[in-house]
N, C-alpha and C. Protein backbone atom coordinates (compact mmCIF):
# COMPACT_ATOMS: atom_id res chain seq x y z
N MET A 1 0.83 -0.78 -0.07
CA MET A 1 -0.17 -0.26 0.04
C MET A 1 0.83 1.10 0.66
N ILE A 2 0.72 2.02 -0.61
CA ILE A 2 1.36 2.99 -0.97
C ILE A 2 0.63 4.31 0.39
N LYS A 3 1.02 5.18 0.95
CA LYS A 3 0.70 6.15 1.95
C LYS A 3 0.78 7.18 1.32
N LEU A 4 -0.07 8.21 1.12
CA LEU A 4 -0.42 9.58 0.09
C LEU A 4 -0.63 10.11 0.91
N PRO A 5 0.16 11.42 1.61
CA PRO A 5 -0.30 12.72 2.31
C PRO A 5 -1.11 12.97 2.02
N VAL A 6 -1.94 13.78 2.40
CA VAL A 6 -3.45 14.33 2.32
C VAL A 6 -3.30 16.00 2.71
N TYR A 7 -3.21 16.75 1.94
CA TYR A 7 -3.08 18.55 2.88
C TYR A 7 -4.38 19.01 2.68
N ASN A 8 -4.62 20.22 4.04
CA ASN A 8 -4.85 21.01 3.14
C ASN A 8 -5.10 22.24 2.32
N THR A 9 -5.86 23.42 2.02
CA THR A 9 -5.05 24.20 1.33
C THR A 9 -3.66 25.53 2.35
N THR A 10 -3.39 25.00 3.56
CA THR A 10 -2.16 26.05 4.46
C THR A 10 -0.73 25.17 4.31
N GLY A 11 -1.26 24.19 3.17
CA GLY A 11 0.35 22.54 2.90
C GLY A 11 0.43 22.14 4.62
N LYS A 12 -0.47 22.21 5.07
CA LYS A 12 -0.58 21.21 6.37
C LYS A 12 -0.92 19.92 6.21
N GLN A 13 -0.14 19.10 6.84
CA GLN A 13 -0.85 17.66 6.57
C GLN A 13 -1.91 17.18 7.77
N VAL A 14 -3.01 16.42 6.91
CA VAL A 14 -4.02 16.50 7.89
C VAL A 14 -4.98 15.26 7.92
N GLU A 15 -4.32 14.06 6.53
CA GLU A 15 -4.94 12.60 7.02
C GLU A 15 -3.78 11.60 6.40
N THR A 16 -3.82 11.10 6.14
CA THR A 16 -3.58 10.03 4.82
C THR A 16 -4.11 8.77 3.86
N LEU A 17 -3.74 9.25 2.87
CA LEU A 17 -4.46 8.07 1.72
C LEU A 17 -4.20 7.07 1.33
N ALA A 18 -4.59 5.95 1.76
CA ALA A 18 -3.89 4.39 1.59
C ALA A 18 -4.00 4.38 -0.32
N ILE A 19 -3.37 4.10 -1.29
CA ILE A 19 -3.91 3.48 -2.14
C ILE A 19 -2.81 1.77 -2.43
N ASP A 20 -3.68 1.06 -3.15
CA ASP A 20 -3.36 -0.26 -3.19
C ASP A 20 -2.32 0.05 -4.72
N GLU A 21 -1.74 -0.28 -4.48
CA GLU A 21 -0.76 -0.89 -6.18
C GLU A 21 -1.06 -1.40 -7.07
N ALA A 22 -2.21 -2.31 -6.80
CA ALA A 22 -2.87 -3.35 -7.39
C ALA A 22 -3.76 -1.96 -8.52
N LEU A 23 -3.89 -0.99 -8.28
CA LEU A 23 -5.07 -0.60 -8.73
C LEU A 23 -4.22 0.05 -10.36
N LEU A 24 -2.90 0.56 -9.93
CA LEU A 24 -2.50 1.34 -11.10
C LEU A 24 -1.10 0.44 -11.84
N GLY A 25 -1.67 -0.71 -10.99
CA GLY A 25 -0.61 -2.56 -11.94
C GLY A 25 -0.09 -2.67 -11.12
N THR A 26 -0.02 -2.77 -9.99
CA THR A 26 1.58 -3.42 -9.23
C THR A 26 2.72 -2.41 -9.34
N GLU A 27 3.26 -2.61 -10.31
CA GLU A 27 4.24 -1.68 -10.51
C GLU A 27 5.32 -1.25 -11.63
N VAL A 28 5.51 -0.05 -11.57
CA VAL A 28 6.16 0.72 -12.95
C VAL A 28 6.41 0.10 -13.81
N ARG A 29 5.80 -0.02 -14.79
CA ARG A 29 6.24 -0.83 -16.13
C ARG A 29 6.55 0.13 -17.92
N PRO A 30 7.81 0.29 -17.39
CA PRO A 30 8.74 1.54 -18.21
C PRO A 30 8.29 1.61 -19.95
N ASN A 31 8.20 -0.21 -20.33
CA ASN A 31 8.03 -0.16 -21.83
C ASN A 31 6.27 -0.03 -22.19
N LEU A 32 5.88 -0.15 -21.14
CA LEU A 32 4.71 0.49 -21.13
C LEU A 32 4.50 1.56 -21.59
N LEU A 33 4.72 1.84 -20.67
CA LEU A 33 4.93 3.84 -20.83
C LEU A 33 4.88 4.40 -22.12
N LYS A 34 6.58 4.27 -22.41
CA LYS A 34 7.05 4.66 -23.21
C LYS A 34 6.50 3.93 -24.49
N GLN A 35 5.41 3.05 -25.06
CA GLN A 35 4.67 2.25 -26.40
C GLN A 35 3.64 3.67 -26.07
N ALA A 36 3.09 3.81 -24.93
CA ALA A 36 1.72 4.65 -24.61
C ALA A 36 2.06 6.27 -25.35
N TYR A 37 3.32 6.80 -24.93
CA TYR A 37 3.57 7.67 -24.59
C TYR A 37 4.05 8.14 -26.27
N VAL A 38 4.34 7.07 -26.73
CA VAL A 38 4.70 7.51 -28.09
C VAL A 38 3.53 7.55 -28.72
N MET A 39 2.80 6.54 -28.68
CA MET A 39 1.33 6.43 -29.32
C MET A 39 0.48 7.73 -29.21
N PHE A 40 0.41 8.38 -27.99
CA PHE A 40 0.16 9.58 -27.87
C PHE A 40 0.90 10.79 -28.86
N HIS A 41 1.92 11.02 -28.52
CA HIS A 41 2.62 12.08 -29.15
C HIS A 41 2.32 11.82 -30.56
N ALA A 42 2.68 10.44 -31.38
CA ALA A 42 2.68 10.58 -33.11
C ALA A 42 0.68 10.51 -33.20
N ASN A 43 -0.16 10.50 -32.45
CA ASN A 43 -1.27 10.88 -32.67
C ASN A 43 -1.67 11.83 -32.75
N ARG A 44 -0.63 13.30 -32.01
CA ARG A 44 -0.87 14.23 -32.11
C ARG A 44 -0.28 15.72 -32.95
N ARG A 45 0.83 14.68 -34.32
CA ARG A 45 1.21 14.87 -35.01
C ARG A 45 -0.16 16.12 -36.27
N GLN A 46 0.26 16.94 -36.95
CA GLN A 46 -0.59 17.72 -37.07
C GLN A 46 -1.09 17.11 -38.94
N GLY A 47 0.34 16.57 -39.66
CA GLY A 47 0.73 15.62 -40.61
C GLY A 47 0.58 16.64 -41.71
N SER A 48 0.90 17.76 -40.90
CA SER A 48 0.50 18.37 -42.75
C SER A 48 1.59 19.01 -44.02
N ALA A 49 2.92 18.42 -43.35
CA ALA A 49 4.00 19.04 -44.17
C ALA A 49 3.85 18.51 -45.53
N ARG A 50 4.29 19.08 -46.10
CA ARG A 50 4.05 19.17 -47.70
C ARG A 50 5.17 19.16 -48.42
N THR A 51 5.57 18.45 -49.51
CA THR A 51 6.82 18.97 -51.45
C THR A 51 6.53 18.46 -52.22
N ARG A 52 6.96 19.50 -52.92
CA ARG A 52 6.45 18.88 -53.82
C ARG A 52 7.64 18.54 -54.88
N SER A 53 7.16 17.46 -55.50
CA SER A 53 8.61 16.81 -56.62
C SER A 53 8.17 17.36 -57.62
N ARG A 54 9.26 16.47 -58.75
CA ARG A 54 9.48 17.38 -59.51
C ARG A 54 8.29 17.07 -61.03
N GLY A 55 7.45 16.29 -60.53
CA GLY A 55 6.24 16.21 -61.51
C GLY A 55 4.74 17.61 -60.87
N MET A 56 4.95 17.72 -60.11
CA MET A 56 4.33 18.66 -59.25
C MET A 56 4.67 20.27 -59.63
N VAL A 57 6.17 20.42 -59.70
CA VAL A 57 6.27 22.20 -60.18
C VAL A 57 5.98 22.34 -61.55
N ASP A 58 6.05 23.57 -61.60
CA ASP A 58 5.66 24.05 -62.58
C ASP A 58 7.79 24.17 -64.17
N GLY A 59 7.08 23.91 -64.63
CA GLY A 59 8.62 24.12 -65.67
C GLY A 59 8.54 23.29 -66.61
N SER A 60 8.84 23.36 -68.23
CA SER A 60 9.21 23.12 -68.82
C SER A 60 9.67 21.85 -68.50
N THR A 61 9.10 20.51 -70.15
CA THR A 61 9.33 19.35 -69.53
C THR A 61 10.30 18.61 -71.16
N ARG A 62 11.41 19.71 -71.70
CA ARG A 62 12.54 20.04 -72.66
C ARG A 62 13.81 19.16 -71.73
N LYS A 63 14.54 19.23 -73.08
CA LYS A 63 15.85 19.03 -72.17
C LYS A 63 16.26 19.96 -72.58
N ILE A 64 17.35 20.40 -71.64
CA ILE A 64 17.82 21.86 -71.87
C ILE A 64 18.86 21.60 -72.88
N PHE A 65 19.23 21.33 -73.29
CA PHE A 65 20.38 20.46 -74.36
C PHE A 65 20.54 19.67 -74.11
N ARG A 66 21.02 19.03 -75.45
CA ARG A 66 21.61 17.80 -76.46
C ARG A 66 22.32 16.69 -75.57
N GLN A 67 21.78 16.05 -74.96
CA GLN A 67 23.10 14.42 -74.66
C GLN A 67 23.76 14.46 -75.23
N LYS A 68 24.61 15.12 -76.08
CA LYS A 68 26.43 14.75 -76.58
C LYS A 68 26.57 15.67 -77.22
N GLY A 69 27.88 15.81 -77.86
CA GLY A 69 28.91 17.09 -78.21
C GLY A 69 28.71 18.05 -77.58
N THR A 70 28.24 18.19 -76.02
CA THR A 70 28.04 19.88 -75.39
C THR A 70 29.90 20.30 -75.21
N GLY A 71 30.21 18.73 -74.13
CA GLY A 71 30.90 18.81 -73.90
C GLY A 71 30.56 19.42 -71.95
N ASN A 72 29.00 19.34 -71.67
CA ASN A 72 28.66 19.14 -70.42
C ASN A 72 27.50 18.15 -70.03
N ALA A 73 27.61 18.09 -68.42
CA ALA A 73 27.48 16.67 -67.97
C ALA A 73 25.72 16.67 -68.66
N ARG A 74 25.61 15.41 -68.25
CA ARG A 74 23.99 15.26 -68.72
C ARG A 74 23.23 16.00 -68.24
N MET A 75 22.37 16.61 -69.08
CA MET A 75 20.62 17.10 -67.82
C MET A 75 19.70 16.74 -68.55
N GLY A 76 19.04 16.54 -67.98
CA GLY A 76 17.16 16.37 -68.43
C GLY A 76 16.60 18.07 -68.29
N THR A 77 15.37 18.05 -67.03
CA THR A 77 14.45 19.17 -67.45
C THR A 77 14.58 19.89 -66.49
N ARG A 78 14.54 20.94 -66.37
CA ARG A 78 14.91 21.98 -65.28
C ARG A 78 13.97 21.59 -63.84
N ARG A 79 13.07 20.34 -64.13
CA ARG A 79 12.08 20.77 -62.94
C ARG A 79 12.91 19.36 -61.93
N THR A 80 13.82 19.04 -62.75
CA THR A 80 14.60 17.42 -61.66
C THR A 80 15.76 18.56 -60.39
N GLY A 81 15.63 17.34 -59.06
CA GLY A 81 15.67 17.97 -57.90
C GLY A 81 17.67 18.60 -57.97
N LEU A 82 18.36 18.45 -59.17
CA LEU A 82 19.22 18.72 -58.85
C LEU A 82 19.53 20.73 -59.15
N ARG A 83 18.48 20.64 -59.74
CA ARG A 83 18.45 22.28 -60.42
C ARG A 83 17.60 23.76 -59.42
N ARG A 84 18.23 24.68 -59.02
CA ARG A 84 17.01 26.04 -58.30
C ARG A 84 16.12 25.84 -59.06
N GLY A 85 14.91 25.40 -58.42
CA GLY A 85 13.43 26.15 -58.68
C GLY A 85 12.81 24.16 -59.38
N GLY A 86 14.09 23.36 -58.78
CA GLY A 86 12.97 22.42 -59.00
C GLY A 86 12.17 21.91 -58.19
N GLY A 87 11.76 19.95 -58.21
CA GLY A 87 10.72 19.97 -57.43
C GLY A 87 12.26 18.88 -56.44
N VAL A 88 11.08 18.60 -55.75
CA VAL A 88 12.15 17.57 -54.08
C VAL A 88 12.41 16.27 -54.65
N THR A 89 13.58 15.50 -53.97
CA THR A 89 14.24 14.40 -54.97
C THR A 89 12.85 13.19 -54.03
N PHE A 90 12.74 13.56 -53.18
CA PHE A 90 11.78 12.72 -51.79
C PHE A 90 11.01 13.19 -51.35
N ALA A 91 10.23 14.06 -51.81
CA ALA A 91 8.49 14.98 -51.89
C ALA A 91 8.24 13.94 -50.18
N LYS A 92 7.41 14.89 -49.96
CA LYS A 92 7.18 14.37 -48.39
C LYS A 92 5.38 14.33 -48.87
N THR A 93 5.03 13.43 -49.15
CA THR A 93 3.20 13.52 -49.21
C THR A 93 2.89 12.30 -47.95
N ARG A 94 2.48 12.15 -47.19
CA ARG A 94 2.42 11.34 -46.14
C ARG A 94 1.30 12.17 -45.61
N VAL A 95 -0.12 11.13 -44.48
CA VAL A 95 -1.28 12.17 -44.95
C VAL A 95 -1.51 12.06 -43.26
N LYS A 96 -1.97 12.78 -42.24
CA LYS A 96 -1.84 12.62 -41.23
C LYS A 96 -2.53 11.11 -40.55
N ALA A 97 -2.95 10.50 -41.72
CA ALA A 97 -3.75 9.56 -40.62
C ALA A 97 -2.48 8.11 -41.19
N GLU A 98 -1.57 8.35 -41.35
CA GLU A 98 -0.35 7.43 -41.57
C GLU A 98 0.79 7.46 -41.14
N PHE A 99 0.86 8.54 -40.18
CA PHE A 99 1.55 9.05 -38.24
C PHE A 99 0.56 8.21 -37.44
N ARG A 100 -0.51 7.75 -37.27
CA ARG A 100 -1.50 7.45 -36.15
C ARG A 100 -0.61 6.33 -35.77
N GLN A 101 -0.99 5.76 -35.08
CA GLN A 101 -0.81 4.40 -34.38
C GLN A 101 -1.29 3.86 -32.78
N ARG A 102 -1.70 2.89 -32.88
CA ARG A 102 -3.25 2.05 -32.03
C ARG A 102 -2.64 1.43 -30.85
N MET A 103 -3.49 1.19 -29.93
CA MET A 103 -3.20 0.47 -28.37
C MET A 103 -4.34 -0.21 -28.21
N PRO A 104 -4.23 -1.39 -27.64
CA PRO A 104 -5.85 -1.99 -27.13
C PRO A 104 -6.34 -1.70 -25.42
N LYS A 105 -8.15 -0.80 -25.82
CA LYS A 105 -8.48 -0.06 -25.29
C LYS A 105 -7.44 -0.43 -23.79
N LYS A 106 -7.22 -1.43 -23.26
CA LYS A 106 -6.82 -2.00 -21.83
C LYS A 106 -4.99 -1.72 -21.96
N MET A 107 -4.77 -1.82 -22.90
CA MET A 107 -3.12 -1.55 -22.45
C MET A 107 -3.46 0.59 -22.52
N ARG A 108 -4.28 0.98 -23.24
CA ARG A 108 -4.09 2.15 -22.61
C ARG A 108 -4.85 3.27 -21.54
N ARG A 109 -5.79 2.10 -21.20
CA ARG A 109 -6.42 2.13 -19.32
C ARG A 109 -5.08 1.85 -18.56
N LEU A 110 -4.43 0.65 -18.86
CA LEU A 110 -3.18 0.71 -17.68
C LEU A 110 -2.07 1.79 -18.11
N ALA A 111 -1.71 1.95 -18.69
CA ALA A 111 -0.79 3.02 -18.86
C ALA A 111 -1.16 4.25 -18.63
N ASN A 112 -2.28 4.82 -18.42
CA ASN A 112 -2.96 5.97 -17.65
C ASN A 112 -2.87 5.83 -16.54
N ARG A 113 -3.15 4.54 -15.74
CA ARG A 113 -3.11 4.20 -14.55
C ARG A 113 -2.02 4.29 -13.80
N ASN A 114 -0.69 3.37 -14.93
CA ASN A 114 0.28 3.43 -14.28
C ASN A 114 1.68 4.89 -14.53
N ALA A 115 1.39 5.20 -15.34
CA ALA A 115 1.89 6.23 -15.19
C ALA A 115 1.18 7.32 -14.14
N LEU A 116 0.05 7.52 -13.41
CA LEU A 116 -0.15 8.42 -11.44
C LEU A 116 0.41 6.94 -10.94
N LEU A 117 0.98 6.40 -11.16
CA LEU A 117 1.59 5.21 -10.07
C LEU A 117 2.87 5.59 -9.94
N ALA A 118 3.53 5.77 -10.94
CA ALA A 118 5.10 6.23 -11.72
C ALA A 118 5.38 7.75 -10.68
N LYS A 119 4.11 8.22 -10.77
CA LYS A 119 4.35 9.40 -10.04
C LYS A 119 4.00 9.20 -8.51
N LEU A 120 3.34 8.82 -8.27
CA LEU A 120 3.33 8.30 -6.40
C LEU A 120 4.39 8.17 -6.14
N VAL A 121 4.66 6.97 -7.06
CA VAL A 121 6.61 5.97 -6.66
C VAL A 121 7.53 7.70 -6.36
N ASP A 122 7.32 8.09 -6.75
CA ASP A 122 7.98 9.68 -6.91
C ASP A 122 7.95 10.21 -6.17
N ASN A 123 6.91 10.42 -5.35
CA ASN A 123 6.32 11.48 -3.98
C ASN A 123 6.17 12.42 -5.18
N GLU A 124 5.19 12.98 -5.93
CA GLU A 124 4.92 13.80 -7.55
C GLU A 124 3.97 14.16 -7.30
N VAL A 125 3.00 13.68 -6.47
CA VAL A 125 1.64 13.97 -6.41
C VAL A 125 0.91 14.31 -5.07
N LYS A 126 1.11 15.76 -5.14
CA LYS A 126 0.15 16.07 -4.21
C LYS A 126 -1.37 16.71 -3.65
N CYS A 127 -1.81 15.60 -2.69
CA CYS A 127 -3.49 15.78 -2.58
C CYS A 127 -3.51 16.87 -1.73
N PHE A 128 -5.11 17.01 -1.74
CA PHE A 128 -5.57 17.76 -0.72
C PHE A 128 -7.09 17.54 -0.80
N ASP A 129 -7.20 17.87 0.71
CA ASP A 129 -9.03 17.77 1.11
C ASP A 129 -9.84 17.98 0.56
N GLN A 130 -9.75 19.52 -0.34
CA GLN A 130 -10.84 20.07 -0.82
C GLN A 130 -9.97 21.45 -2.15
N LEU A 131 -10.03 21.61 -3.14
CA LEU A 131 -9.83 23.00 -3.55
C LEU A 131 -10.53 23.68 -3.45
N GLN A 132 -11.76 24.72 -3.11
CA GLN A 132 -12.36 24.70 -2.98
C GLN A 132 -12.16 26.67 -3.65
N PHE A 133 -12.76 27.34 -3.85
CA PHE A 133 -12.54 28.56 -4.42
C PHE A 133 -13.39 29.21 -4.00
N GLU A 134 -14.15 30.65 -3.21
CA GLU A 134 -15.73 31.57 -2.92
C GLU A 134 -15.83 32.41 -4.98
N GLN A 135 -13.91 32.82 -5.18
CA GLN A 135 -12.98 33.13 -6.43
C GLN A 135 -12.65 32.85 -6.63
N PRO A 136 -12.55 32.65 -8.02
CA PRO A 136 -11.19 32.52 -9.13
C PRO A 136 -10.23 33.06 -8.41
N LYS A 137 -9.31 33.66 -7.77
CA LYS A 137 -8.54 34.14 -7.43
C LYS A 137 -6.89 33.01 -7.50
N THR A 138 -6.07 33.81 -8.42
CA THR A 138 -4.49 33.19 -9.42
C THR A 138 -3.63 33.27 -7.48
N SER A 139 -3.97 34.35 -7.34
CA SER A 139 -2.96 34.63 -5.90
C SER A 139 -2.87 32.99 -5.27
N GLN A 140 -4.16 33.01 -4.68
CA GLN A 140 -4.49 32.20 -3.58
C GLN A 140 -3.86 31.14 -4.39
N PHE A 141 -4.29 30.62 -5.72
CA PHE A 141 -3.83 29.34 -5.91
C PHE A 141 -2.10 29.44 -6.32
N LYS A 142 -1.67 30.11 -6.20
CA LYS A 142 0.14 30.26 -6.74
C LYS A 142 0.33 29.92 -5.26
N ALA A 143 -0.64 30.79 -3.84
CA ALA A 143 0.00 30.68 -2.22
C ALA A 143 -0.22 28.86 -1.85
N ILE A 144 -1.26 27.88 -2.39
CA ILE A 144 -1.06 26.85 -1.98
C ILE A 144 -0.46 25.96 -2.96
N LEU A 145 -0.17 26.16 -4.14
CA LEU A 145 0.93 25.47 -4.25
C LEU A 145 2.33 25.78 -3.90
N GLU A 146 2.54 27.27 -3.99
CA GLU A 146 3.51 27.15 -3.04
C GLU A 146 4.10 26.28 -1.58
N ALA A 147 2.86 26.14 -0.86
CA ALA A 147 2.94 26.11 0.66
C ALA A 147 3.04 24.46 0.74
N VAL A 148 2.83 23.72 -0.90
CA VAL A 148 3.74 21.91 -0.79
C VAL A 148 4.67 21.78 -1.53
N GLY A 149 5.56 22.63 -1.99
CA GLY A 149 6.32 22.55 -2.74
C GLY A 149 7.07 22.16 -4.14
N VAL A 150 5.38 22.89 -4.73
CA VAL A 150 5.22 23.01 -6.05
C VAL A 150 5.77 23.74 -6.71
N ASN A 151 7.59 23.30 -7.48
CA ASN A 151 8.38 24.98 -7.65
C ASN A 151 8.32 24.43 -9.75
N ARG A 152 8.19 23.13 -10.67
CA ARG A 152 8.06 22.85 -11.65
C ARG A 152 6.71 22.61 -12.09
N THR A 153 6.75 22.19 -13.10
CA THR A 153 5.52 22.11 -14.19
C THR A 153 5.17 21.48 -13.53
N CYS A 154 3.79 21.80 -13.58
CA CYS A 154 2.56 21.05 -12.73
C CYS A 154 1.13 20.69 -13.60
N LEU A 155 0.66 19.58 -13.27
CA LEU A 155 -0.85 19.09 -13.94
C LEU A 155 -1.76 19.20 -13.11
N ILE A 156 -2.79 19.95 -13.07
CA ILE A 156 -3.86 20.23 -11.95
C ILE A 156 -5.63 18.65 -12.51
N ALA A 157 -5.52 17.85 -11.87
CA ALA A 157 -6.50 17.08 -12.50
C ALA A 157 -8.07 17.82 -11.30
N LEU A 158 -8.74 18.21 -12.46
CA LEU A 158 -10.05 18.83 -11.05
C LEU A 158 -11.45 18.06 -12.02
N ASP A 159 -12.73 18.29 -11.41
CA ASP A 159 -14.04 17.77 -10.99
C ASP A 159 -14.15 18.55 -11.85
N PRO A 160 -14.75 17.95 -13.17
CA PRO A 160 -15.94 19.47 -14.23
C PRO A 160 -16.47 20.48 -13.38
N ALA A 161 -16.72 20.31 -11.85
CA ALA A 161 -18.13 20.82 -11.06
C ALA A 161 -17.09 22.40 -10.68
N ASN A 162 -15.63 21.59 -10.46
CA ASN A 162 -15.18 22.87 -9.44
C ASN A 162 -14.58 23.93 -10.61
N ARG A 163 -15.68 25.01 -11.69
CA ARG A 163 -14.55 25.41 -12.46
C ARG A 163 -13.82 26.73 -11.80
N ASN A 164 -14.61 27.43 -10.60
CA ASN A 164 -13.79 27.97 -9.84
C ASN A 164 -11.88 28.12 -9.90
N ALA A 165 -11.81 26.90 -9.50
CA ALA A 165 -10.21 26.18 -9.19
C ALA A 165 -9.94 26.39 -10.70
N ALA A 166 -10.48 25.75 -11.43
CA ALA A 166 -9.91 26.11 -13.04
C ALA A 166 -9.34 27.53 -13.84
N LEU A 167 -10.44 28.02 -13.23
CA LEU A 167 -9.89 29.82 -13.53
C LEU A 167 -8.94 30.25 -12.98
N ALA A 168 -8.81 29.73 -11.65
CA ALA A 168 -7.83 30.44 -10.73
C ALA A 168 -6.34 30.05 -11.23
N ALA A 169 -6.28 28.96 -11.66
CA ALA A 169 -4.67 28.37 -12.64
C ALA A 169 -4.74 28.46 -13.42
N ARG A 170 -5.60 28.69 -14.32
CA ARG A 170 -5.00 28.84 -15.68
C ARG A 170 -3.89 29.51 -16.14
N ASN A 171 -4.40 30.82 -15.29
CA ASN A 171 -3.09 31.74 -15.65
C ASN A 171 -1.77 31.73 -15.10
N LEU A 172 -1.62 30.62 -14.23
CA LEU A 172 -0.36 30.40 -13.42
C LEU A 172 0.51 30.00 -14.59
N PRO A 173 2.07 30.43 -14.45
CA PRO A 173 2.97 29.69 -15.22
C PRO A 173 3.24 28.44 -14.90
N ASN A 174 3.51 27.28 -16.12
CA ASN A 174 4.19 26.37 -16.29
C ASN A 174 3.15 24.74 -15.89
N VAL A 175 1.77 25.58 -15.90
CA VAL A 175 0.37 24.89 -14.73
C VAL A 175 -0.19 24.42 -15.51
N ASP A 176 -0.66 23.20 -15.95
CA ASP A 176 -1.42 22.88 -16.91
C ASP A 176 -2.92 22.30 -16.12
N THR A 177 -4.36 22.46 -16.25
CA THR A 177 -5.44 21.59 -15.57
C THR A 177 -5.90 21.06 -16.48
N THR A 178 -6.67 19.77 -16.00
CA THR A 178 -6.72 19.20 -17.14
C THR A 178 -8.69 18.28 -16.24
N ARG A 179 -9.37 18.20 -16.99
CA ARG A 179 -10.47 16.46 -16.15
C ARG A 179 -9.64 15.48 -15.46
N ILE A 180 -10.14 15.23 -14.65
CA ILE A 180 -9.86 14.26 -13.90
C ILE A 180 -10.07 12.78 -14.29
N GLU A 181 -10.89 12.79 -15.29
CA GLU A 181 -11.45 11.95 -16.10
C GLU A 181 -10.72 11.64 -17.60
N GLN A 182 -10.03 12.88 -17.69
CA GLN A 182 -8.90 12.90 -18.67
C GLN A 182 -7.13 12.95 -18.87
N LEU A 183 -7.36 11.74 -17.38
CA LEU A 183 -5.77 12.29 -17.01
C LEU A 183 -4.80 10.83 -17.57
N ASN A 184 -4.06 10.97 -18.58
CA ASN A 184 -4.32 10.22 -19.12
C ASN A 184 -1.81 9.68 -19.24
N VAL A 185 -1.28 9.39 -19.99
CA VAL A 185 -0.08 8.96 -20.06
C VAL A 185 1.52 10.08 -20.40
N PHE A 186 0.56 11.01 -21.35
CA PHE A 186 1.33 11.72 -21.99
C PHE A 186 1.59 13.03 -21.57
N ASP A 187 -0.21 13.38 -20.87
CA ASP A 187 0.17 14.76 -20.05
C ASP A 187 0.89 14.34 -18.45
N LEU A 188 0.94 13.29 -17.58
CA LEU A 188 1.29 13.12 -16.66
C LEU A 188 2.85 12.97 -17.06
N LEU A 189 3.18 12.78 -17.54
CA LEU A 189 4.71 12.49 -17.50
C LEU A 189 5.52 13.41 -18.04
N ASN A 190 4.73 14.82 -18.45
CA ASN A 190 4.41 16.14 -19.46
C ASN A 190 5.24 16.75 -17.90
N HIS A 191 4.43 16.54 -17.01
CA HIS A 191 5.00 17.50 -15.79
C HIS A 191 5.16 16.83 -14.87
N ARG A 192 5.68 17.44 -14.22
CA ARG A 192 7.01 17.09 -12.91
C ARG A 192 5.56 16.93 -11.74
N PHE A 193 4.80 17.56 -11.26
CA PHE A 193 3.88 17.56 -10.52
C PHE A 193 2.49 17.59 -10.36
N VAL A 194 1.87 16.26 -10.10
CA VAL A 194 -0.02 16.20 -9.80
C VAL A 194 -0.93 16.91 -9.05
N VAL A 195 -1.60 17.89 -9.10
CA VAL A 195 -1.77 18.09 -8.19
C VAL A 195 -3.80 17.34 -8.15
N VAL A 196 -4.36 17.40 -7.19
CA VAL A 196 -5.40 16.46 -7.50
C VAL A 196 -6.28 16.70 -6.18
N GLU A 197 -7.46 16.64 -5.86
CA GLU A 197 -8.14 16.81 -4.66
C GLU A 197 -8.52 15.00 -4.58
N LYS A 198 -9.02 14.89 -2.56
CA LYS A 198 -9.10 13.48 -2.53
C LYS A 198 -9.84 12.59 -3.54
N ALA A 199 -11.07 13.57 -3.16
CA ALA A 199 -12.68 12.77 -3.71
C ALA A 199 -12.35 12.22 -5.08
N SER A 200 -11.53 13.45 -5.72
CA SER A 200 -11.60 13.26 -7.27
C SER A 200 -10.39 12.12 -7.63
N LEU A 201 -9.28 12.02 -7.10
CA LEU A 201 -8.31 10.72 -6.67
C LEU A 201 -9.46 9.38 -6.67
N GLN A 202 -9.89 9.81 -5.42
CA GLN A 202 -10.32 8.70 -5.33
C GLN A 202 -11.43 7.92 -6.61
N ALA A 203 -12.50 8.76 -6.92
CA ALA A 203 -12.88 8.53 -7.89
C ALA A 203 -12.07 7.98 -9.34
N PHE A 204 -11.00 8.68 -9.28
CA PHE A 204 -10.71 7.72 -10.98
C PHE A 204 -9.70 7.09 -10.67
N LEU A 205 -9.63 6.55 -8.99
CA LEU A 205 -9.04 5.28 -8.29
C LEU A 205 -10.25 4.13 -8.73
N ASP A 206 -11.51 4.35 -8.31
CA ASP A 206 -12.96 3.26 -8.68
C ASP A 206 -13.17 3.56 -9.33
N GLY A 207 -12.41 4.37 -10.68
CA GLY A 207 -13.02 4.25 -11.86
C GLY A 207 -14.52 4.97 -12.33
N THR A 208 -15.38 5.76 -11.27
CA THR A 208 -16.11 6.57 -11.45
C THR A 208 -16.08 8.17 -11.74
N ALA A 209 -14.76 8.25 -12.53
CA ALA A 209 -14.70 9.30 -12.35
C ALA A 209 -15.48 9.76 -13.96
N GLY A 210 -15.65 11.14 -13.80
CA GLY A 210 -16.87 11.16 -14.79
C GLY A 210 -17.57 10.46 -15.25
N LYS A 211 -18.61 9.62 -14.25
CA LYS A 211 -19.94 9.43 -14.30
C LYS A 211 -21.10 9.92 -13.39
N LYS A 212 -21.65 10.07 -13.89
CA LYS A 212 -23.20 10.73 -13.80
C LYS A 212 -23.68 9.69 -12.47
N GLN A 213 -23.84 10.44 -11.57
CA GLN A 213 -23.79 9.54 -10.24
C GLN A 213 -25.67 9.47 -10.27
N GLU A 214 -26.30 8.41 -10.36
CA GLU A 214 -28.01 8.52 -10.69
C GLU A 214 -28.49 8.52 -9.45
N ASP A 215 -29.68 8.91 -8.74
CA ASP A 215 -30.22 10.12 -7.94
C ASP A 215 -30.90 8.19 -7.45
N ALA A 216 -30.73 8.07 -6.10
CA ALA A 216 -31.26 7.49 -5.34
C ALA A 216 -32.49 7.67 -5.35
């Protein structure tokens, strides 16, 4: 079991949350994390790079000069890739879909949870009992992060209903926010610290984050 400290907004530890490693893959799996990270990175490529081959550029197809008798090297049209204004020898014509990679759904979900386990092992998860703001004040959120030693890039995972916290954090440098149900290996590994509320973290571990609760 991992013992995760839970802080209040002043940076004082108020309780400890026990997390079962089995819910997050038991152990950190570097190969799985790398495969998932590369997939996320490849799927975010814009894929719009284009260059024109010799058949796509404008210009005459006439041979510049005759083959023999001039003393020059053999030369074809002006559109060859060896001449200025000609086409590219190996033109880029790939489309975005050709960059995409896929992983089975169970592997993706396990990778997302395993990335959180890696953060827990490295003591880079800062859990709060609550992050509620009457008004979205960036200065208040900055003081909260400083109280728990967040001094590098930070990912804040919030419940969608906690809009004031999201507004308070969005102008902080090196800080990004996301919905708790959208935590993924790419964002987790791209930030040093993860900040989350206790209730949101428990919902993520239970698999109920983002799901509407049925009325009793």
